[in-house]
N, C-alpha and C. Protein backbone atom coordinates (compact mmCIF):
# COMPACT_ATOMS: atom_id res chain seq x y z
N UNK A 1 153.92 40.27 142.21
CA UNK A 1 152.59 40.65 142.63
C UNK A 1 152.71 41.68 143.74
N UNK A 2 152.11 42.81 143.50
CA UNK A 2 152.17 43.93 144.42
C UNK A 2 150.87 44.00 145.21
N UNK A 3 150.97 44.17 146.53
CA UNK A 3 149.75 44.30 147.35
C UNK A 3 149.47 45.79 147.55
N UNK A 4 148.40 46.27 146.92
CA UNK A 4 148.05 47.68 146.98
C UNK A 4 146.97 47.93 148.03
N UNK A 5 146.02 46.98 148.13
CA UNK A 5 144.91 47.13 149.07
C UNK A 5 144.81 45.88 149.94
N UNK A 6 144.07 46.02 151.04
CA UNK A 6 143.76 44.88 151.89
C UNK A 6 142.29 44.53 151.70
N UNK A 7 141.99 43.26 151.72
CA UNK A 7 140.62 42.78 151.61
C UNK A 7 140.33 41.93 152.83
N UNK A 8 139.30 42.30 153.58
CA UNK A 8 138.96 41.56 154.79
C UNK A 8 138.42 40.18 154.44
N UNK A 9 138.36 39.31 155.41
CA UNK A 9 137.82 37.96 155.22
C UNK A 9 136.39 38.02 154.69
N UNK A 10 135.54 38.88 155.28
CA UNK A 10 134.15 38.98 154.82
C UNK A 10 134.08 39.41 153.36
N UNK A 11 134.87 40.40 152.99
CA UNK A 11 134.87 40.88 151.60
C UNK A 11 135.43 39.80 150.68
N UNK A 12 136.48 39.13 151.11
CA UNK A 12 137.08 38.08 150.30
C UNK A 12 136.06 36.97 150.01
N UNK A 13 135.34 36.54 151.03
CA UNK A 13 134.31 35.50 150.83
C UNK A 13 133.23 36.00 149.88
N UNK A 14 132.79 37.24 150.06
CA UNK A 14 131.75 37.83 149.20
C UNK A 14 132.22 37.89 147.75
N UNK A 15 133.42 38.42 147.54
CA UNK A 15 133.94 38.55 146.17
C UNK A 15 134.17 37.19 145.51
N UNK A 16 134.72 36.23 146.26
CA UNK A 16 134.98 34.92 145.69
C UNK A 16 133.69 34.24 145.25
N UNK A 17 132.65 34.33 146.06
CA UNK A 17 131.36 33.75 145.69
C UNK A 17 130.77 34.48 144.48
N UNK A 18 130.86 35.81 144.48
CA UNK A 18 130.32 36.60 143.38
C UNK A 18 131.04 36.29 142.07
N UNK A 19 132.36 36.16 142.13
CA UNK A 19 133.15 35.84 140.94
C UNK A 19 132.80 34.45 140.43
N UNK A 20 132.63 33.50 141.34
CA UNK A 20 132.25 32.13 140.94
C UNK A 20 130.86 32.14 140.30
N UNK A 21 129.92 32.88 140.90
CA UNK A 21 128.57 32.96 140.34
C UNK A 21 128.57 33.56 138.94
N UNK A 22 129.41 34.56 138.73
CA UNK A 22 129.49 35.25 137.44
C UNK A 22 130.38 34.52 136.43
N UNK A 23 131.12 33.53 136.92
CA UNK A 23 132.06 32.78 136.06
C UNK A 23 133.01 33.73 135.32
N UNK A 24 133.63 34.59 136.11
CA UNK A 24 134.55 35.56 135.52
C UNK A 24 135.95 35.36 136.11
N UNK A 25 136.89 36.19 135.71
CA UNK A 25 138.29 36.03 136.08
C UNK A 25 138.66 36.68 137.41
N UNK A 26 137.86 37.61 137.90
CA UNK A 26 138.16 38.31 139.14
C UNK A 26 137.39 39.61 139.20
N UNK A 27 137.90 40.53 140.02
CA UNK A 27 137.28 41.84 140.14
C UNK A 27 138.28 42.92 139.73
N UNK A 28 137.75 44.06 139.31
CA UNK A 28 138.58 45.20 138.92
C UNK A 28 138.14 46.41 139.72
N UNK A 29 139.11 47.06 140.35
CA UNK A 29 138.85 48.25 141.15
C UNK A 29 139.35 49.46 140.39
N UNK A 30 138.52 50.49 140.34
CA UNK A 30 138.87 51.72 139.63
C UNK A 30 138.23 52.88 140.38
N UNK A 31 138.57 54.07 139.98
CA UNK A 31 137.92 55.29 140.46
C UNK A 31 137.50 56.09 139.24
N UNK A 32 136.44 56.86 139.40
CA UNK A 32 135.96 57.71 138.32
C UNK A 32 135.45 59.00 138.92
N UNK A 33 135.36 60.03 138.12
CA UNK A 33 134.79 61.26 138.63
C UNK A 33 133.29 61.03 138.77
N UNK A 34 132.74 61.60 139.82
CA UNK A 34 131.31 61.46 140.07
C UNK A 34 131.04 61.33 141.55
N UNK A 35 129.79 61.30 141.89
CA UNK A 35 129.40 61.23 143.29
C UNK A 35 129.45 62.59 143.94
N UNK A 36 128.92 62.69 145.12
CA UNK A 36 128.81 63.99 145.79
C UNK A 36 130.15 64.54 146.26
N UNK A 37 131.18 63.73 146.36
CA UNK A 37 132.49 64.21 146.81
C UNK A 37 133.50 64.36 145.68
N UNK A 38 133.13 64.04 144.46
CA UNK A 38 134.01 64.27 143.32
C UNK A 38 134.58 63.03 142.66
N UNK A 39 134.79 61.96 143.45
CA UNK A 39 135.30 60.71 142.89
C UNK A 39 134.51 59.56 143.49
N UNK A 40 134.34 58.50 142.71
CA UNK A 40 133.61 57.32 143.18
C UNK A 40 134.42 56.07 142.92
N UNK A 41 134.25 55.10 143.80
CA UNK A 41 134.87 53.79 143.61
C UNK A 41 134.05 53.00 142.61
N UNK A 42 134.72 52.15 141.89
CA UNK A 42 134.06 51.26 140.94
C UNK A 42 134.67 49.87 141.11
N UNK A 43 133.81 48.88 141.29
CA UNK A 43 134.26 47.49 141.34
C UNK A 43 133.41 46.73 140.33
N UNK A 44 134.07 46.09 139.38
CA UNK A 44 133.38 45.38 138.32
C UNK A 44 133.98 43.98 138.16
N UNK A 45 133.21 43.11 137.53
CA UNK A 45 133.69 41.78 137.21
C UNK A 45 134.63 41.86 136.01
N UNK A 46 135.68 41.05 136.03
CA UNK A 46 136.65 41.02 134.93
C UNK A 46 136.33 39.84 134.03
N UNK A 47 136.00 40.16 132.79
CA UNK A 47 135.74 39.13 131.78
C UNK A 47 136.95 38.99 130.86
N UNK A 48 137.70 40.09 130.71
CA UNK A 48 138.89 40.10 129.86
C UNK A 48 139.98 40.91 130.58
N UNK A 49 141.16 40.36 130.65
CA UNK A 49 142.26 41.02 131.35
C UNK A 49 142.80 42.20 130.55
N UNK A 50 143.00 43.30 131.24
CA UNK A 50 143.68 44.47 130.67
C UNK A 50 145.11 44.42 131.19
N UNK A 51 146.05 44.21 130.30
CA UNK A 51 147.45 44.04 130.69
C UNK A 51 148.01 45.25 131.45
N UNK A 52 147.39 46.41 131.30
CA UNK A 52 147.87 47.61 132.00
C UNK A 52 147.49 47.60 133.47
N UNK A 53 146.49 46.82 133.86
CA UNK A 53 146.05 46.79 135.25
C UNK A 53 147.13 46.22 136.15
N UNK A 54 147.13 46.70 137.39
CA UNK A 54 148.01 46.15 138.42
C UNK A 54 147.30 44.92 138.98
N UNK A 55 148.00 43.80 139.02
CA UNK A 55 147.40 42.54 139.46
C UNK A 55 147.84 42.20 140.87
N UNK A 56 146.90 41.72 141.66
CA UNK A 56 147.23 41.12 142.95
C UNK A 56 146.27 39.98 143.19
N UNK A 57 146.76 38.95 143.86
CA UNK A 57 145.92 37.80 144.18
C UNK A 57 145.78 37.72 145.69
N UNK A 58 144.58 37.48 146.11
CA UNK A 58 144.29 37.29 147.52
C UNK A 58 143.61 35.93 147.63
N UNK A 59 144.35 34.94 148.12
CA UNK A 59 143.90 33.54 148.09
C UNK A 59 143.54 33.19 146.65
N UNK A 60 142.31 32.78 146.40
CA UNK A 60 141.91 32.40 145.04
C UNK A 60 141.22 33.54 144.29
N UNK A 61 141.28 34.74 144.81
CA UNK A 61 140.62 35.88 144.17
C UNK A 61 141.64 36.71 143.40
N UNK A 62 141.39 36.88 142.10
CA UNK A 62 142.22 37.76 141.28
C UNK A 62 141.66 39.17 141.36
N UNK A 63 142.52 40.10 141.72
CA UNK A 63 142.12 41.51 141.85
C UNK A 63 142.96 42.32 140.88
N UNK A 64 142.28 43.10 140.05
CA UNK A 64 142.93 43.96 139.08
C UNK A 64 142.61 45.40 139.46
N UNK A 65 143.64 46.24 139.48
CA UNK A 65 143.44 47.64 139.85
C UNK A 65 143.87 48.50 138.68
N UNK A 66 142.99 49.39 138.27
CA UNK A 66 143.31 50.30 137.18
C UNK A 66 144.53 51.13 137.56
N UNK A 67 145.49 51.28 136.66
CA UNK A 67 146.71 52.01 137.00
C UNK A 67 146.45 53.42 137.54
N UNK A 68 145.47 54.10 136.96
CA UNK A 68 145.17 55.47 137.40
C UNK A 68 144.58 55.50 138.80
N UNK A 69 144.03 54.38 139.26
CA UNK A 69 143.40 54.33 140.58
C UNK A 69 144.39 54.06 141.70
N UNK A 70 145.56 53.54 141.37
CA UNK A 70 146.47 53.08 142.43
C UNK A 70 146.85 54.19 143.41
N UNK A 71 147.06 55.40 142.93
CA UNK A 71 147.44 56.48 143.86
C UNK A 71 146.29 56.86 144.80
N UNK A 72 145.06 56.58 144.40
CA UNK A 72 143.90 56.92 145.22
C UNK A 72 143.49 55.81 146.17
N UNK A 73 143.84 54.56 145.85
CA UNK A 73 143.39 53.43 146.67
C UNK A 73 144.52 52.73 147.43
N UNK A 74 145.75 53.14 147.22
CA UNK A 74 146.88 52.49 147.91
C UNK A 74 146.68 52.56 149.42
N UNK A 75 146.76 51.41 150.07
CA UNK A 75 146.59 51.34 151.52
C UNK A 75 145.15 51.17 151.97
N UNK A 76 144.22 51.14 151.03
CA UNK A 76 142.80 51.03 151.35
C UNK A 76 142.45 49.62 151.81
N UNK A 77 141.48 49.53 152.71
CA UNK A 77 140.92 48.25 153.12
C UNK A 77 139.50 48.17 152.59
N UNK A 78 139.17 47.03 151.96
CA UNK A 78 137.82 46.80 151.46
C UNK A 78 137.19 45.74 152.35
N UNK A 79 136.00 46.06 152.86
CA UNK A 79 135.28 45.15 153.75
C UNK A 79 133.88 44.91 153.19
N UNK A 80 133.22 43.90 153.70
CA UNK A 80 131.83 43.63 153.34
C UNK A 80 131.08 43.40 154.63
N UNK A 81 130.01 44.15 154.83
CA UNK A 81 129.21 44.01 156.05
C UNK A 81 127.79 43.62 155.67
N UNK A 82 127.13 42.90 156.58
CA UNK A 82 125.73 42.52 156.39
C UNK A 82 124.94 42.97 157.60
N UNK A 83 123.71 43.40 157.33
CA UNK A 83 122.78 43.72 158.40
C UNK A 83 121.38 43.33 157.94
N UNK A 84 120.37 43.73 158.68
CA UNK A 84 118.99 43.36 158.35
C UNK A 84 118.56 43.90 156.99
N UNK A 85 119.20 44.96 156.52
CA UNK A 85 118.84 45.58 155.25
C UNK A 85 119.56 44.94 154.06
N UNK A 86 120.55 44.11 154.30
CA UNK A 86 121.31 43.47 153.22
C UNK A 86 122.79 43.61 153.44
N UNK A 87 123.55 43.63 152.35
CA UNK A 87 125.00 43.71 152.44
C UNK A 87 125.52 45.00 151.84
N UNK A 88 126.76 45.34 152.20
CA UNK A 88 127.35 46.58 151.74
C UNK A 88 128.87 46.44 151.66
N UNK A 89 129.44 46.91 150.57
CA UNK A 89 130.89 46.98 150.45
C UNK A 89 131.33 48.28 151.13
N UNK A 90 132.34 48.17 151.99
CA UNK A 90 132.82 49.32 152.76
C UNK A 90 134.27 49.59 152.38
N UNK A 91 134.56 50.85 152.06
CA UNK A 91 135.90 51.27 151.70
C UNK A 91 136.49 52.10 152.84
N UNK A 92 137.61 51.66 153.38
CA UNK A 92 138.34 52.43 154.40
C UNK A 92 139.63 52.89 153.73
N UNK A 93 139.61 54.14 153.28
CA UNK A 93 140.69 54.65 152.44
C UNK A 93 141.47 55.75 153.16
N UNK A 94 142.74 55.51 153.49
CA UNK A 94 143.53 56.54 154.17
C UNK A 94 143.80 57.76 153.29
N UNK A 95 143.59 57.65 151.99
CA UNK A 95 143.81 58.77 151.08
C UNK A 95 142.60 59.68 151.00
N UNK A 96 141.44 59.23 151.46
CA UNK A 96 140.22 60.02 151.39
C UNK A 96 140.17 61.00 152.55
N UNK A 97 140.12 62.27 152.24
CA UNK A 97 140.02 63.30 153.28
C UNK A 97 138.56 63.55 153.65
N UNK A 98 137.66 63.31 152.70
CA UNK A 98 136.23 63.42 152.94
C UNK A 98 135.53 62.32 152.17
N UNK A 99 134.44 61.80 152.73
CA UNK A 99 133.63 60.81 152.04
C UNK A 99 132.17 61.19 152.17
N UNK A 100 131.35 60.68 151.27
CA UNK A 100 129.91 60.92 151.37
C UNK A 100 129.34 59.96 152.41
N UNK A 101 128.09 60.14 152.72
CA UNK A 101 127.47 59.33 153.77
C UNK A 101 127.40 57.85 153.41
N UNK A 102 127.29 57.53 152.11
CA UNK A 102 127.23 56.11 151.74
C UNK A 102 128.63 55.50 151.66
N UNK A 103 129.68 56.31 151.65
CA UNK A 103 131.05 55.81 151.64
C UNK A 103 131.59 55.44 150.27
N UNK A 104 130.83 55.67 149.21
CA UNK A 104 131.27 55.29 147.87
C UNK A 104 131.86 56.45 147.08
N UNK A 105 131.73 57.64 147.62
CA UNK A 105 132.26 58.83 146.96
C UNK A 105 133.25 59.48 147.91
N UNK A 106 134.34 60.03 147.37
CA UNK A 106 135.37 60.59 148.23
C UNK A 106 136.11 61.71 147.53
N UNK A 107 136.87 62.46 148.32
CA UNK A 107 137.82 63.41 147.76
C UNK A 107 139.13 63.25 148.51
N UNK A 108 140.21 63.61 147.84
CA UNK A 108 141.53 63.31 148.37
C UNK A 108 142.22 64.47 149.08
N UNK A 109 141.62 65.66 149.03
CA UNK A 109 142.19 66.75 149.82
C UNK A 109 141.10 67.67 150.34
N UNK A 110 141.42 68.43 151.36
CA UNK A 110 140.44 69.26 152.04
C UNK A 110 139.92 70.40 151.17
N UNK A 111 140.63 70.76 150.11
CA UNK A 111 140.21 71.88 149.27
C UNK A 111 139.04 71.52 148.37
N UNK A 112 138.67 70.24 148.36
CA UNK A 112 137.58 69.82 147.49
C UNK A 112 138.06 69.30 146.15
N UNK A 113 139.37 69.36 145.91
CA UNK A 113 139.92 68.85 144.65
C UNK A 113 140.18 67.36 144.81
N UNK A 114 139.63 66.59 143.91
CA UNK A 114 139.85 65.15 143.94
C UNK A 114 140.52 64.67 142.67
N UNK A 115 141.06 65.58 141.93
CA UNK A 115 141.68 65.26 140.67
C UNK A 115 140.67 64.65 139.71
N UNK A 116 139.38 64.93 139.95
CA UNK A 116 138.32 64.37 139.13
C UNK A 116 138.41 64.83 137.69
N UNK A 117 139.01 65.98 137.46
CA UNK A 117 139.11 66.46 136.08
C UNK A 117 139.95 65.54 135.21
N UNK A 118 140.73 64.66 135.81
CA UNK A 118 141.57 63.75 135.04
C UNK A 118 140.83 62.47 134.63
N UNK A 119 139.63 62.27 135.15
CA UNK A 119 138.95 61.00 134.97
C UNK A 119 137.61 61.19 134.29
N UNK A 120 137.22 60.24 133.46
CA UNK A 120 135.92 60.35 132.80
C UNK A 120 134.78 60.25 133.81
N UNK A 121 133.65 60.77 133.41
CA UNK A 121 132.48 60.74 134.28
C UNK A 121 132.10 59.31 134.60
N UNK A 122 131.67 59.07 135.81
CA UNK A 122 131.26 57.74 136.20
C UNK A 122 130.70 57.74 137.60
N UNK A 123 130.28 56.61 138.06
CA UNK A 123 129.77 56.48 139.41
C UNK A 123 130.01 55.06 139.88
N UNK A 124 129.58 54.78 141.08
CA UNK A 124 129.77 53.46 141.64
C UNK A 124 129.08 52.42 140.77
N UNK A 125 129.75 51.34 140.51
CA UNK A 125 129.21 50.31 139.63
C UNK A 125 128.07 49.55 140.30
N UNK A 126 127.33 48.83 139.52
CA UNK A 126 126.23 48.02 140.05
C UNK A 126 126.77 46.92 140.96
N UNK A 127 128.02 46.52 140.78
CA UNK A 127 128.62 45.49 141.64
C UNK A 127 128.58 45.93 143.11
N UNK A 128 128.84 47.23 143.35
CA UNK A 128 128.85 47.74 144.72
C UNK A 128 127.48 47.65 145.37
N UNK A 129 126.44 47.58 144.57
CA UNK A 129 125.10 47.52 145.12
C UNK A 129 124.57 46.10 145.28
N UNK A 130 125.40 45.12 144.94
CA UNK A 130 125.00 43.73 145.10
C UNK A 130 124.80 43.48 146.60
N UNK A 131 123.68 42.96 146.97
CA UNK A 131 123.33 42.99 148.39
C UNK A 131 123.53 41.71 149.17
N UNK A 132 123.76 40.59 148.53
CA UNK A 132 123.83 39.38 149.33
C UNK A 132 124.70 38.33 148.66
N UNK A 133 125.30 37.47 149.46
CA UNK A 133 126.13 36.40 148.91
C UNK A 133 125.51 35.04 149.15
N UNK A 134 124.25 35.00 149.55
CA UNK A 134 123.61 33.72 149.92
C UNK A 134 123.67 32.69 148.84
C-alpha cells in the first residue's frame, strides 16, 4: 500500500460517513481537464474496483487514485472544512502552481500548461459539492 496523499482528520471523518451513507467501497480521486485553470479534481464514490487504480487505506477508508492522476496529486493534502455556509473539500496540492478561487481547478506550471490535453473533458464531481456530514 502506497501513501500518495494525506487526508486530514476532518476529511477522513467526512469521507468515512459519506462512504457509509452511500454503502460503497471507498472514494476515487482523479483529475480531468476542465475548470478555469485547465484541470479539475474529481472525487467519486467507488461501487466497483478498477484494478488499475492505486490503492491506499487510511484507517477504515479505502482510497483509490486513478493512475494518471498520481503525478498531479502526489504529496497533496485533502481537508474538509465547515462554516456557516456548509462544508467544503479543500485540496492543498504542492504540484499546483496556480489554482482557481474555489480551489477545485488547478494548473501544474506557470506557463498555463496543465497537461489537460492528455485528459478527457470533465469537471469537479458532485461529491466535491456535498455540503454536510450531519
